[in-house]
Every structure is written in structure tokens, then in C-alpha cells.
Amino acid sequence: MALFGRKDKELFLLFNESARVVVRGGEILKNVVNDYRDLDLKMAQLTAMEHEGDRIIQDLVRRLNTSFILPFDREDAFQLVQKLSTTLDYITGIIDRMILYKAGEPNDRVKEMVAVLFETLLLQEKALNLLDRMESNKKEIFLCCEKIIKLERKQDTLYRKGVAYLFEHHDHDPIAIIKWREVYEHIEMAQDYVEEIAALISDICVKYS
């Protein structure tokens, strides 16, 4: 039996749509780092995804502001909205910087970092899709969130190794270090927001199930 009513389900559908758009953004990013061609086309696709995400976020905010009864705390709901939106912003920013800075083709470290980020985006989408039947799905939701946290730790290690590699192999080219370090930082920040969403989803499950 579903934990919430029909009106609440409309909110969950919007959360699910938002998570889907973030995953689609991650797919485009993954495609960019593994096939460094047609960058303008891929950036246009990502910009379209960002506009779709903004539309969904605006709809979510409107519904949150006009709903008298919410499936969980209004503040938690707004935080989910904000963090999903910011995650997509950082994903867009990763590609934007590679194109604007003319940083060149990404190396294997960047590809691995993006692969880890994309894996967490899929887990995030899965956890949000399970949220409308929180009571029966709680164990699986917690498992998704735990995996996200473990992957965030892996990403931290990749980030540190990536920055160390930059200083070791590009000491003759400080501009390249600046360009790629900012790309690494954006991947890490996107990862951090996914971890924050996982922690928030876990808190919601504890409070409302």
C-alpha cells in the first residue's frame, strides 16, 4: 500500500523527472569525456536538458508553495529540489569549462571520475523512484544511499590523485593545471551534492517511515 495520496504522488513524479534529467545530463557528460567530438552539439543537448530541469524545478517549487499537505517536511522537500538543481548546474559547468578553456581531450583520470559520478546519479535516481513507497522500500533506499557514500569516498581519492598527477606531469604548464583542476573540482562538487541528497533521503526515511 502506498504511503501517500494521489496529490503527493504528483510531487514524487516531479522529483523522479528531475532525477531523470540529472541522469541524462550525466549521460551527455560521460559521452563528452569518452568521445571528445561534436562538443558544441553535446553542449546544446546539455543546455536543453538544463532548461527542462529548470522547468521541472519551477513546477516543483510552485507545487510545494501551494500544497497544504506534503508527504514530508517542506524544508526537506525544498532542499531536495535545490540540491538536484545544483547538481545539474555543476554537470553543465564541467562541460562548459572544458569547452571554454579549450582544455583538450580528457585523460583516463577524468574519465574514471565521471564514471563514478554517473554511477551515483543512477543510484540517486533509483532511490528517489523508491521514495513514494518508503515503508516497503526503506531497506533498498538505504542500500542505494550507502553505495553513494562509498562512491563519494572513492571520488575523493580519485580527485586527490588527479590533482597530484596534474602537478607532477604539467609543472611546465601552469595554465593546464588551472584549467583541469577546475574541471576536477566541478566533478567533485557534483559528487558532493549527490552525497548530500543521499544523506537527506536517508534522513527522510528515518523520520517518516
N, C-alpha and C. Protein backbone atom coordinates (compact mmCIF):
# COMPACT_ATOMS: atom_id res chain seq x y z
N MET A 1 0.85 -1.21 0.00
CA MET A 1 0.00 0.00 0.00
C MET A 1 0.88 1.25 0.00
N ALA A 2 0.57 2.22 -0.84
CA ALA A 2 1.37 3.45 -0.90
C ALA A 2 1.22 4.25 0.38
N LEU A 3 2.31 4.90 0.76
CA LEU A 3 2.29 5.66 2.00
C LEU A 3 1.56 6.98 1.85
N PHE A 4 1.52 7.55 0.65
CA PHE A 4 0.96 8.87 0.45
C PHE A 4 -0.19 8.83 -0.55
N GLY A 5 -0.91 9.94 -0.65
CA GLY A 5 -2.08 10.00 -1.51
C GLY A 5 -1.76 10.44 -2.92
N ARG A 6 -2.83 10.63 -3.72
CA ARG A 6 -2.66 10.93 -5.14
C ARG A 6 -1.94 12.26 -5.35
N LYS A 7 -2.32 13.30 -4.60
CA LYS A 7 -1.67 14.60 -4.77
C LYS A 7 -0.19 14.52 -4.44
N ASP A 8 0.13 13.73 -3.40
CA ASP A 8 1.53 13.56 -3.04
C ASP A 8 2.29 12.86 -4.16
N LYS A 9 1.64 11.91 -4.82
CA LYS A 9 2.29 11.18 -5.90
C LYS A 9 2.70 12.11 -7.04
N GLU A 10 1.94 13.18 -7.27
CA GLU A 10 2.32 14.13 -8.30
C GLU A 10 3.67 14.78 -7.96
N LEU A 11 3.89 15.05 -6.69
CA LEU A 11 5.17 15.60 -6.26
C LEU A 11 6.29 14.59 -6.49
N PHE A 12 6.04 13.33 -6.15
CA PHE A 12 7.06 12.31 -6.35
C PHE A 12 7.39 12.13 -7.83
N LEU A 13 6.38 12.23 -8.67
CA LEU A 13 6.64 12.13 -10.11
C LEU A 13 7.55 13.25 -10.59
N LEU A 14 7.36 14.44 -10.05
CA LEU A 14 8.22 15.56 -10.42
C LEU A 14 9.64 15.36 -9.90
N PHE A 15 9.78 14.83 -8.68
CA PHE A 15 11.11 14.51 -8.17
C PHE A 15 11.78 13.47 -9.08
N ASN A 16 11.01 12.47 -9.49
CA ASN A 16 11.56 11.43 -10.36
C ASN A 16 11.98 12.00 -11.71
N GLU A 17 11.16 12.92 -12.25
CA GLU A 17 11.51 13.56 -13.52
C GLU A 17 12.79 14.36 -13.39
N SER A 18 12.91 15.07 -12.28
CA SER A 18 14.11 15.87 -12.05
C SER A 18 15.35 14.98 -11.97
N ALA A 19 15.23 13.87 -11.25
CA ALA A 19 16.35 12.93 -11.15
C ALA A 19 16.70 12.35 -12.52
N ARG A 20 15.68 12.10 -13.34
CA ARG A 20 15.90 11.57 -14.69
C ARG A 20 16.69 12.56 -15.55
N VAL A 21 16.35 13.84 -15.44
CA VAL A 21 17.05 14.87 -16.21
C VAL A 21 18.51 14.95 -15.78
N VAL A 22 18.76 14.85 -14.48
CA VAL A 22 20.14 14.88 -13.98
C VAL A 22 20.92 13.70 -14.53
N VAL A 23 20.30 12.52 -14.56
CA VAL A 23 20.96 11.35 -15.14
C VAL A 23 21.25 11.57 -16.62
N ARG A 24 20.31 12.16 -17.33
CA ARG A 24 20.51 12.44 -18.76
C ARG A 24 21.68 13.41 -18.94
N GLY A 25 21.77 14.40 -18.07
CA GLY A 25 22.92 15.30 -18.11
C GLY A 25 24.22 14.54 -17.89
N GLY A 26 24.19 13.59 -16.95
CA GLY A 26 25.36 12.77 -16.69
C GLY A 26 25.73 11.90 -17.89
N GLU A 27 24.74 11.42 -18.61
CA GLU A 27 24.99 10.63 -19.82
C GLU A 27 25.72 11.47 -20.87
N ILE A 28 25.27 12.71 -21.03
CA ILE A 28 25.92 13.59 -22.01
C ILE A 28 27.36 13.88 -21.59
N LEU A 29 27.57 14.13 -20.30
CA LEU A 29 28.92 14.36 -19.79
C LEU A 29 29.82 13.15 -20.04
N LYS A 30 29.29 11.96 -19.74
CA LYS A 30 30.05 10.73 -19.95
C LYS A 30 30.40 10.57 -21.42
N ASN A 31 29.47 10.91 -22.30
CA ASN A 31 29.71 10.83 -23.73
C ASN A 31 30.79 11.81 -24.17
N VAL A 32 30.79 13.00 -23.57
CA VAL A 32 31.80 14.02 -23.92
C VAL A 32 33.20 13.53 -23.58
N VAL A 33 33.38 13.02 -22.35
CA VAL A 33 34.74 12.66 -21.93
C VAL A 33 35.25 11.40 -22.65
N ASN A 34 34.34 10.56 -23.15
CA ASN A 34 34.75 9.35 -23.83
C ASN A 34 34.79 9.50 -25.35
N ASP A 35 34.18 10.55 -25.86
CA ASP A 35 34.18 10.80 -27.30
C ASP A 35 34.24 12.31 -27.49
N TYR A 36 35.46 12.85 -27.52
CA TYR A 36 35.67 14.29 -27.48
C TYR A 36 35.51 14.91 -28.86
N ARG A 37 34.29 14.73 -29.40
CA ARG A 37 33.96 15.32 -30.71
C ARG A 37 32.57 15.95 -30.62
N ASP A 38 32.27 16.81 -31.59
CA ASP A 38 30.95 17.45 -31.67
C ASP A 38 30.57 18.12 -30.35
N LEU A 39 31.52 18.85 -29.77
CA LEU A 39 31.31 19.42 -28.45
C LEU A 39 30.17 20.45 -28.43
N ASP A 40 30.07 21.25 -29.47
CA ASP A 40 29.01 22.26 -29.50
C ASP A 40 27.63 21.60 -29.50
N LEU A 41 27.50 20.51 -30.26
CA LEU A 41 26.24 19.78 -30.31
C LEU A 41 25.90 19.19 -28.94
N LYS A 42 26.89 18.61 -28.30
CA LYS A 42 26.66 17.99 -26.99
C LYS A 42 26.35 19.06 -25.93
N MET A 43 27.01 20.21 -26.05
CA MET A 43 26.71 21.29 -25.11
C MET A 43 25.29 21.79 -25.32
N ALA A 44 24.85 21.86 -26.57
CA ALA A 44 23.48 22.27 -26.86
C ALA A 44 22.48 21.28 -26.28
N GLN A 45 22.80 19.98 -26.37
CA GLN A 45 21.93 18.96 -25.78
C GLN A 45 21.86 19.12 -24.26
N LEU A 46 23.01 19.40 -23.65
CA LEU A 46 23.04 19.56 -22.20
C LEU A 46 22.29 20.82 -21.77
N THR A 47 22.42 21.89 -22.56
CA THR A 47 21.69 23.12 -22.25
C THR A 47 20.18 22.89 -22.31
N ALA A 48 19.75 22.11 -23.31
CA ALA A 48 18.32 21.77 -23.41
C ALA A 48 17.88 20.96 -22.19
N MET A 49 18.72 20.04 -21.75
CA MET A 49 18.43 19.27 -20.53
C MET A 49 18.31 20.18 -19.32
N GLU A 50 19.21 21.16 -19.25
CA GLU A 50 19.20 22.10 -18.13
C GLU A 50 17.92 22.91 -18.11
N HIS A 51 17.46 23.34 -19.29
CA HIS A 51 16.21 24.09 -19.38
C HIS A 51 15.03 23.21 -18.95
N GLU A 52 15.05 21.94 -19.36
CA GLU A 52 13.99 21.03 -18.93
C GLU A 52 14.03 20.85 -17.42
N GLY A 53 15.23 20.72 -16.87
CA GLY A 53 15.37 20.60 -15.43
C GLY A 53 14.86 21.82 -14.71
N ASP A 54 15.17 23.01 -15.24
CA ASP A 54 14.68 24.25 -14.63
C ASP A 54 13.15 24.30 -14.63
N ARG A 55 12.56 23.84 -15.73
CA ARG A 55 11.09 23.84 -15.81
C ARG A 55 10.49 22.92 -14.75
N ILE A 56 11.07 21.74 -14.60
CA ILE A 56 10.57 20.80 -13.60
C ILE A 56 10.76 21.36 -12.19
N ILE A 57 11.92 21.97 -11.95
CA ILE A 57 12.19 22.55 -10.63
C ILE A 57 11.19 23.66 -10.32
N GLN A 58 10.91 24.50 -11.30
CA GLN A 58 9.93 25.58 -11.09
C GLN A 58 8.55 25.01 -10.77
N ASP A 59 8.18 23.94 -11.46
CA ASP A 59 6.90 23.29 -11.19
C ASP A 59 6.89 22.69 -9.78
N LEU A 60 8.00 22.09 -9.39
CA LEU A 60 8.10 21.53 -8.05
C LEU A 60 7.95 22.61 -6.99
N VAL A 61 8.68 23.70 -7.17
CA VAL A 61 8.62 24.80 -6.20
C VAL A 61 7.20 25.36 -6.11
N ARG A 62 6.55 25.52 -7.26
CA ARG A 62 5.18 26.03 -7.26
C ARG A 62 4.26 25.10 -6.48
N ARG A 63 4.39 23.81 -6.71
CA ARG A 63 3.53 22.85 -6.01
C ARG A 63 3.85 22.81 -4.51
N LEU A 64 5.11 22.93 -4.17
CA LEU A 64 5.49 22.93 -2.76
C LEU A 64 4.93 24.17 -2.05
N ASN A 65 4.91 25.28 -2.78
CA ASN A 65 4.40 26.52 -2.18
C ASN A 65 2.88 26.55 -2.07
N THR A 66 2.20 25.74 -2.87
CA THR A 66 0.74 25.79 -2.87
C THR A 66 0.10 24.57 -2.21
N SER A 67 0.92 23.57 -1.85
CA SER A 67 0.38 22.37 -1.20
C SER A 67 0.26 22.59 0.29
N PHE A 68 -0.91 22.30 0.83
CA PHE A 68 -1.11 22.43 2.27
C PHE A 68 -0.61 21.19 3.02
N ILE A 69 -0.71 20.04 2.35
CA ILE A 69 -0.26 18.80 2.96
C ILE A 69 0.83 18.21 2.07
N LEU A 70 1.99 17.98 2.66
CA LEU A 70 3.10 17.42 1.93
C LEU A 70 3.44 16.04 2.47
N PRO A 71 4.04 15.19 1.63
CA PRO A 71 4.38 13.84 2.09
C PRO A 71 5.46 13.83 3.17
N PHE A 72 6.28 14.88 3.20
CA PHE A 72 7.27 15.02 4.28
C PHE A 72 7.57 16.50 4.47
N ASP A 73 8.43 16.80 5.40
CA ASP A 73 8.68 18.18 5.81
C ASP A 73 8.99 19.08 4.61
N ARG A 74 8.37 20.27 4.60
CA ARG A 74 8.54 21.21 3.48
C ARG A 74 10.00 21.60 3.29
N GLU A 75 10.70 21.79 4.40
CA GLU A 75 12.11 22.17 4.31
C GLU A 75 12.93 21.07 3.64
N ASP A 76 12.66 19.81 3.99
CA ASP A 76 13.36 18.70 3.35
C ASP A 76 13.07 18.66 1.85
N ALA A 77 11.82 18.89 1.50
CA ALA A 77 11.43 18.88 0.09
C ALA A 77 12.15 19.98 -0.69
N PHE A 78 12.21 21.18 -0.11
CA PHE A 78 12.90 22.28 -0.78
C PHE A 78 14.40 21.99 -0.92
N GLN A 79 14.98 21.36 0.09
CA GLN A 79 16.40 21.01 -0.01
C GLN A 79 16.66 20.02 -1.13
N LEU A 80 15.79 19.03 -1.26
CA LEU A 80 15.92 18.08 -2.36
C LEU A 80 15.88 18.79 -3.71
N VAL A 81 14.93 19.71 -3.86
CA VAL A 81 14.78 20.47 -5.10
C VAL A 81 16.06 21.26 -5.39
N GLN A 82 16.54 21.98 -4.39
CA GLN A 82 17.71 22.84 -4.57
C GLN A 82 18.95 22.02 -4.93
N LYS A 83 19.14 20.90 -4.24
CA LYS A 83 20.35 20.11 -4.45
C LYS A 83 20.33 19.39 -5.81
N LEU A 84 19.17 18.94 -6.24
CA LEU A 84 19.07 18.34 -7.57
C LEU A 84 19.40 19.37 -8.65
N SER A 85 18.88 20.58 -8.47
CA SER A 85 19.14 21.65 -9.44
C SER A 85 20.63 22.00 -9.48
N THR A 86 21.25 22.10 -8.31
CA THR A 86 22.67 22.46 -8.24
C THR A 86 23.55 21.37 -8.83
N THR A 87 23.18 20.11 -8.63
CA THR A 87 23.94 19.01 -9.22
C THR A 87 23.97 19.14 -10.74
N LEU A 88 22.82 19.43 -11.34
CA LEU A 88 22.76 19.60 -12.79
C LEU A 88 23.58 20.81 -13.23
N ASP A 89 23.57 21.87 -12.43
CA ASP A 89 24.38 23.05 -12.75
C ASP A 89 25.87 22.70 -12.81
N TYR A 90 26.32 21.90 -11.85
CA TYR A 90 27.74 21.53 -11.83
C TYR A 90 28.09 20.61 -13.01
N ILE A 91 27.19 19.72 -13.36
CA ILE A 91 27.43 18.86 -14.52
C ILE A 91 27.58 19.70 -15.79
N THR A 92 26.69 20.68 -15.94
CA THR A 92 26.79 21.59 -17.08
C THR A 92 28.11 22.35 -17.04
N GLY A 93 28.50 22.77 -15.83
CA GLY A 93 29.73 23.53 -15.66
C GLY A 93 30.97 22.76 -16.03
N ILE A 94 30.96 21.44 -15.83
CA ILE A 94 32.12 20.61 -16.20
C ILE A 94 32.38 20.70 -17.70
N ILE A 95 31.33 20.46 -18.48
CA ILE A 95 31.48 20.51 -19.94
C ILE A 95 31.78 21.94 -20.39
N ASP A 96 31.10 22.89 -19.80
CA ASP A 96 31.29 24.29 -20.15
C ASP A 96 32.75 24.69 -20.02
N ARG A 97 33.38 24.28 -18.94
CA ARG A 97 34.77 24.65 -18.72
C ARG A 97 35.72 23.96 -19.69
N MET A 98 35.43 22.71 -20.00
CA MET A 98 36.29 22.01 -20.97
C MET A 98 36.25 22.69 -22.33
N ILE A 99 35.05 23.18 -22.69
CA ILE A 99 34.90 23.83 -24.00
C ILE A 99 35.48 25.25 -23.97
N LEU A 100 35.09 26.04 -22.97
CA LEU A 100 35.53 27.43 -22.89
C LEU A 100 37.05 27.54 -22.72
N TYR A 101 37.60 26.66 -21.88
CA TYR A 101 39.04 26.72 -21.61
C TYR A 101 39.88 26.05 -22.68
N LYS A 102 39.19 25.35 -23.62
CA LYS A 102 39.93 24.58 -24.63
C LYS A 102 40.97 23.69 -23.95
N ALA A 103 40.49 22.95 -22.96
CA ALA A 103 41.39 22.17 -22.11
C ALA A 103 41.99 20.97 -22.83
N GLY A 104 41.37 20.53 -23.90
CA GLY A 104 41.87 19.37 -24.63
C GLY A 104 41.15 18.10 -24.22
N GLU A 105 41.53 17.00 -24.85
CA GLU A 105 40.85 15.73 -24.61
C GLU A 105 41.08 15.24 -23.18
N PRO A 106 40.04 14.82 -22.49
CA PRO A 106 40.19 14.37 -21.10
C PRO A 106 41.05 13.10 -21.00
N ASN A 107 41.81 13.01 -19.90
CA ASN A 107 42.64 11.82 -19.69
C ASN A 107 41.84 10.74 -18.96
N ASP A 108 42.50 9.63 -18.69
CA ASP A 108 41.81 8.49 -18.06
C ASP A 108 41.32 8.82 -16.66
N ARG A 109 41.98 9.72 -15.97
CA ARG A 109 41.56 10.10 -14.61
C ARG A 109 40.22 10.83 -14.64
N VAL A 110 40.08 11.73 -15.59
CA VAL A 110 38.81 12.44 -15.74
C VAL A 110 37.70 11.46 -16.12
N LYS A 111 38.00 10.54 -17.02
CA LYS A 111 37.01 9.55 -17.43
C LYS A 111 36.56 8.70 -16.25
N GLU A 112 37.51 8.32 -15.40
CA GLU A 112 37.16 7.50 -14.25
C GLU A 112 36.32 8.28 -13.24
N MET A 113 36.66 9.54 -13.03
CA MET A 113 35.89 10.37 -12.12
C MET A 113 34.45 10.55 -12.61
N VAL A 114 34.30 10.77 -13.91
CA VAL A 114 32.97 10.94 -14.49
C VAL A 114 32.18 9.63 -14.39
N ALA A 115 32.86 8.50 -14.59
CA ALA A 115 32.19 7.20 -14.48
C ALA A 115 31.65 6.98 -13.07
N VAL A 116 32.43 7.36 -12.07
CA VAL A 116 31.99 7.23 -10.67
C VAL A 116 30.80 8.15 -10.41
N LEU A 117 30.89 9.39 -10.90
CA LEU A 117 29.79 10.33 -10.73
C LEU A 117 28.52 9.79 -11.37
N PHE A 118 28.63 9.25 -12.57
CA PHE A 118 27.45 8.74 -13.27
C PHE A 118 26.83 7.56 -12.52
N GLU A 119 27.65 6.71 -11.96
CA GLU A 119 27.13 5.58 -11.18
C GLU A 119 26.30 6.08 -10.00
N THR A 120 26.77 7.14 -9.35
CA THR A 120 26.00 7.67 -8.22
C THR A 120 24.70 8.35 -8.67
N LEU A 121 24.72 8.95 -9.86
CA LEU A 121 23.49 9.57 -10.38
C LEU A 121 22.41 8.52 -10.62
N LEU A 122 22.81 7.35 -11.11
CA LEU A 122 21.86 6.26 -11.31
C LEU A 122 21.30 5.77 -9.98
N LEU A 123 22.15 5.67 -8.98
CA LEU A 123 21.70 5.25 -7.64
C LEU A 123 20.77 6.29 -7.03
N GLN A 124 21.08 7.57 -7.27
CA GLN A 124 20.22 8.65 -6.78
C GLN A 124 18.84 8.58 -7.40
N GLU A 125 18.80 8.37 -8.71
CA GLU A 125 17.52 8.25 -9.41
C GLU A 125 16.72 7.07 -8.85
N LYS A 126 17.40 5.95 -8.64
CA LYS A 126 16.72 4.76 -8.12
C LYS A 126 16.13 5.03 -6.73
N ALA A 127 16.92 5.68 -5.86
CA ALA A 127 16.44 5.97 -4.50
C ALA A 127 15.22 6.88 -4.52
N LEU A 128 15.25 7.89 -5.37
CA LEU A 128 14.10 8.81 -5.46
C LEU A 128 12.87 8.12 -6.05
N ASN A 129 13.09 7.20 -6.98
CA ASN A 129 11.95 6.46 -7.55
C ASN A 129 11.30 5.55 -6.52
N LEU A 130 12.05 5.14 -5.52
CA LEU A 130 11.52 4.25 -4.48
C LEU A 130 10.86 4.99 -3.33
N LEU A 131 11.01 6.31 -3.32
CA LEU A 131 10.63 7.08 -2.14
C LEU A 131 9.13 7.13 -1.88
N ASP A 132 8.31 6.98 -2.93
CA ASP A 132 6.86 7.11 -2.72
C ASP A 132 6.27 5.90 -2.00
N ARG A 133 7.02 4.80 -1.95
CA ARG A 133 6.62 3.64 -1.13
C ARG A 133 7.72 3.39 -0.10
N MET A 134 7.91 4.39 0.69
CA MET A 134 9.04 4.45 1.60
C MET A 134 9.10 3.26 2.56
N GLU A 135 7.96 2.92 3.14
CA GLU A 135 7.94 1.88 4.16
C GLU A 135 8.42 0.54 3.60
N SER A 136 7.89 0.15 2.47
CA SER A 136 8.26 -1.15 1.90
C SER A 136 9.61 -1.12 1.19
N ASN A 137 10.07 0.06 0.78
CA ASN A 137 11.32 0.18 0.03
C ASN A 137 12.49 0.68 0.87
N LYS A 138 12.26 0.85 2.16
CA LYS A 138 13.26 1.51 3.01
C LYS A 138 14.63 0.83 2.94
N LYS A 139 14.66 -0.48 3.02
CA LYS A 139 15.93 -1.21 3.00
C LYS A 139 16.69 -0.94 1.71
N GLU A 140 15.99 -0.97 0.58
CA GLU A 140 16.63 -0.75 -0.70
C GLU A 140 17.09 0.70 -0.86
N ILE A 141 16.30 1.63 -0.32
CA ILE A 141 16.69 3.04 -0.36
C ILE A 141 17.98 3.26 0.42
N PHE A 142 18.03 2.70 1.63
CA PHE A 142 19.24 2.83 2.45
C PHE A 142 20.45 2.23 1.75
N LEU A 143 20.24 1.12 1.05
CA LEU A 143 21.35 0.47 0.34
C LEU A 143 21.88 1.38 -0.77
N CYS A 144 20.97 2.00 -1.51
CA CYS A 144 21.38 2.96 -2.56
C CYS A 144 22.20 4.10 -1.96
N CYS A 145 21.72 4.64 -0.85
CA CYS A 145 22.39 5.77 -0.20
C CYS A 145 23.76 5.38 0.34
N GLU A 146 23.87 4.18 0.89
CA GLU A 146 25.16 3.70 1.39
C GLU A 146 26.17 3.55 0.25
N LYS A 147 25.70 3.05 -0.88
CA LYS A 147 26.58 2.90 -2.05
C LYS A 147 27.06 4.26 -2.54
N ILE A 148 26.16 5.25 -2.52
CA ILE A 148 26.54 6.61 -2.93
C ILE A 148 27.64 7.16 -2.04
N ILE A 149 27.50 6.96 -0.73
CA ILE A 149 28.50 7.46 0.22
C ILE A 149 29.85 6.78 -0.02
N LYS A 150 29.85 5.47 -0.27
CA LYS A 150 31.10 4.76 -0.55
C LYS A 150 31.74 5.28 -1.84
N LEU A 151 30.93 5.55 -2.84
CA LEU A 151 31.46 6.06 -4.10
C LEU A 151 32.01 7.48 -3.94
N GLU A 152 31.41 8.26 -3.04
CA GLU A 152 31.92 9.61 -2.78
C GLU A 152 33.33 9.53 -2.20
N ARG A 153 33.58 8.56 -1.34
CA ARG A 153 34.92 8.37 -0.79
C ARG A 153 35.91 7.98 -1.88
N LYS A 154 35.44 7.13 -2.79
CA LYS A 154 36.29 6.75 -3.92
C LYS A 154 36.60 7.97 -4.78
N GLN A 155 35.60 8.82 -4.97
CA GLN A 155 35.80 10.03 -5.77
C GLN A 155 36.80 10.97 -5.11
N ASP A 156 36.77 11.07 -3.80
CA ASP A 156 37.74 11.89 -3.07
C ASP A 156 39.16 11.44 -3.38
N THR A 157 39.36 10.12 -3.38
CA THR A 157 40.68 9.57 -3.67
C THR A 157 41.09 9.87 -5.10
N LEU A 158 40.17 9.69 -6.04
CA LEU A 158 40.46 9.98 -7.44
C LEU A 158 40.80 11.46 -7.64
N TYR A 159 40.07 12.32 -6.94
CA TYR A 159 40.33 13.77 -7.05
C TYR A 159 41.74 14.10 -6.58
N ARG A 160 42.12 13.57 -5.42
CA ARG A 160 43.46 13.86 -4.88
C ARG A 160 44.55 13.34 -5.82
N LYS A 161 44.35 12.12 -6.34
CA LYS A 161 45.34 11.56 -7.26
C LYS A 161 45.39 12.35 -8.56
N GLY A 162 44.22 12.81 -9.01
CA GLY A 162 44.17 13.59 -10.23
C GLY A 162 44.90 14.91 -10.12
N VAL A 163 44.70 15.60 -9.01
CA VAL A 163 45.39 16.87 -8.80
C VAL A 163 46.90 16.65 -8.66
N ALA A 164 47.28 15.59 -7.95
CA ALA A 164 48.71 15.27 -7.80
C ALA A 164 49.34 15.00 -9.17
N TYR A 165 48.59 14.28 -10.02
CA TYR A 165 49.08 13.99 -11.36
C TYR A 165 49.29 15.27 -12.16
N LEU A 166 48.37 16.21 -12.02
CA LEU A 166 48.49 17.48 -12.74
C LEU A 166 49.80 18.19 -12.39
N PHE A 167 50.07 18.28 -11.10
CA PHE A 167 51.28 18.99 -10.67
C PHE A 167 52.55 18.21 -11.03
N GLU A 168 52.43 16.89 -11.12
CA GLU A 168 53.60 16.07 -11.44
C GLU A 168 53.93 16.11 -12.93
N HIS A 169 52.89 16.13 -13.77
CA HIS A 169 53.11 15.99 -15.21
C HIS A 169 52.89 17.28 -16.00
N HIS A 170 52.40 18.33 -15.36
CA HIS A 170 52.16 19.60 -16.06
C HIS A 170 52.84 20.77 -15.35
N ASP A 171 53.93 20.46 -14.63
CA ASP A 171 54.61 21.53 -13.88
C ASP A 171 55.17 22.59 -14.81
N HIS A 172 55.36 22.24 -16.10
CA HIS A 172 55.87 23.18 -17.10
C HIS A 172 54.74 24.03 -17.71
N ASP A 173 53.48 23.67 -17.37
CA ASP A 173 52.32 24.35 -17.98
C ASP A 173 51.29 24.68 -16.90
N PRO A 174 51.52 25.75 -16.14
CA PRO A 174 50.61 26.09 -15.04
C PRO A 174 49.18 26.39 -15.51
N ILE A 175 49.02 26.87 -16.76
CA ILE A 175 47.68 27.16 -17.27
C ILE A 175 46.88 25.86 -17.40
N ALA A 176 47.52 24.80 -17.87
CA ALA A 176 46.85 23.50 -17.97
C ALA A 176 46.43 23.00 -16.59
N ILE A 177 47.28 23.23 -15.60
CA ILE A 177 46.94 22.83 -14.23
C ILE A 177 45.69 23.55 -13.76
N ILE A 178 45.63 24.85 -14.00
CA ILE A 178 44.47 25.65 -13.57
C ILE A 178 43.20 25.18 -14.27
N LYS A 179 43.30 24.95 -15.59
CA LYS A 179 42.12 24.53 -16.36
C LYS A 179 41.57 23.20 -15.85
N TRP A 180 42.44 22.19 -15.76
CA TRP A 180 41.97 20.86 -15.39
C TRP A 180 41.63 20.74 -13.92
N ARG A 181 42.31 21.49 -13.09
CA ARG A 181 41.96 21.44 -11.67
C ARG A 181 40.53 21.93 -11.45
N GLU A 182 40.14 22.96 -12.20
CA GLU A 182 38.77 23.46 -12.05
C GLU A 182 37.76 22.43 -12.55
N VAL A 183 38.10 21.69 -13.61
CA VAL A 183 37.23 20.60 -14.08
C VAL A 183 37.11 19.54 -12.99
N TYR A 184 38.25 19.14 -12.41
CA TYR A 184 38.23 18.15 -11.33
C TYR A 184 37.35 18.63 -10.17
N GLU A 185 37.49 19.90 -9.83
CA GLU A 185 36.74 20.45 -8.70
C GLU A 185 35.23 20.42 -8.96
N HIS A 186 34.84 20.68 -10.21
CA HIS A 186 33.41 20.65 -10.54
C HIS A 186 32.86 19.23 -10.47
N ILE A 187 33.66 18.25 -10.89
CA ILE A 187 33.21 16.86 -10.76
C ILE A 187 33.05 16.51 -9.29
N GLU A 188 34.03 16.91 -8.49
CA GLU A 188 33.98 16.64 -7.05
C GLU A 188 32.79 17.33 -6.39
N MET A 189 32.49 18.56 -6.80
CA MET A 189 31.36 19.27 -6.21
C MET A 189 30.03 18.62 -6.59
N ALA A 190 29.90 18.19 -7.84
CA ALA A 190 28.69 17.48 -8.25
C ALA A 190 28.53 16.22 -7.41
N GLN A 191 29.64 15.52 -7.19
CA GLN A 191 29.61 14.30 -6.36
C GLN A 191 29.18 14.62 -4.93
N ASP A 192 29.68 15.72 -4.39
CA ASP A 192 29.33 16.11 -3.03
C ASP A 192 27.83 16.35 -2.89
N TYR A 193 27.24 16.97 -3.90
CA TYR A 193 25.80 17.24 -3.83
C TYR A 193 24.98 15.96 -3.91
N VAL A 194 25.45 15.00 -4.71
CA VAL A 194 24.75 13.71 -4.75
C VAL A 194 24.81 13.04 -3.38
N GLU A 195 25.97 13.15 -2.73
CA GLU A 195 26.09 12.57 -1.38
C GLU A 195 25.15 13.28 -0.40
N GLU A 196 25.04 14.60 -0.51
CA GLU A 196 24.14 15.34 0.37
C GLU A 196 22.69 14.93 0.13
N ILE A 197 22.33 14.69 -1.13
CA ILE A 197 20.97 14.23 -1.42
C ILE A 197 20.73 12.85 -0.81
N ALA A 198 21.74 11.97 -0.90
CA ALA A 198 21.62 10.64 -0.30
C ALA A 198 21.41 10.73 1.21
N ALA A 199 22.17 11.62 1.85
CA ALA A 199 22.02 11.79 3.30
C ALA A 199 20.63 12.33 3.64
N LEU A 200 20.13 13.24 2.81
CA LEU A 200 18.81 13.81 3.04
C LEU A 200 17.72 12.76 2.85
N ILE A 201 17.85 11.94 1.81
CA ILE A 201 16.87 10.87 1.58
C ILE A 201 16.88 9.89 2.75
N SER A 202 18.06 9.56 3.25
CA SER A 202 18.15 8.66 4.40
C SER A 202 17.46 9.26 5.62
N ASP A 203 17.68 10.56 5.85
CA ASP A 203 17.03 11.25 6.98
C ASP A 203 15.52 11.22 6.84
N ILE A 204 15.04 11.45 5.62
CA ILE A 204 13.59 11.43 5.38
C ILE A 204 13.02 10.04 5.71
N CYS A 205 13.75 9.00 5.31
CA CYS A 205 13.28 7.63 5.59
C CYS A 205 13.22 7.37 7.09
N VAL A 206 14.20 7.88 7.81
CA VAL A 206 14.21 7.67 9.27
C VAL A 206 13.07 8.42 9.92
N LYS A 207 12.81 9.64 9.46
CA LYS A 207 11.78 10.48 10.11
C LYS A 207 10.35 10.08 9.77
N TYR A 208 10.13 9.57 8.55
CA TYR A 208 8.74 9.41 8.08
C TYR A 208 8.33 7.98 7.79
N SER A 209 9.17 7.01 8.14
CA SER A 209 8.77 5.63 7.90
C SER A 209 8.70 4.87 9.23
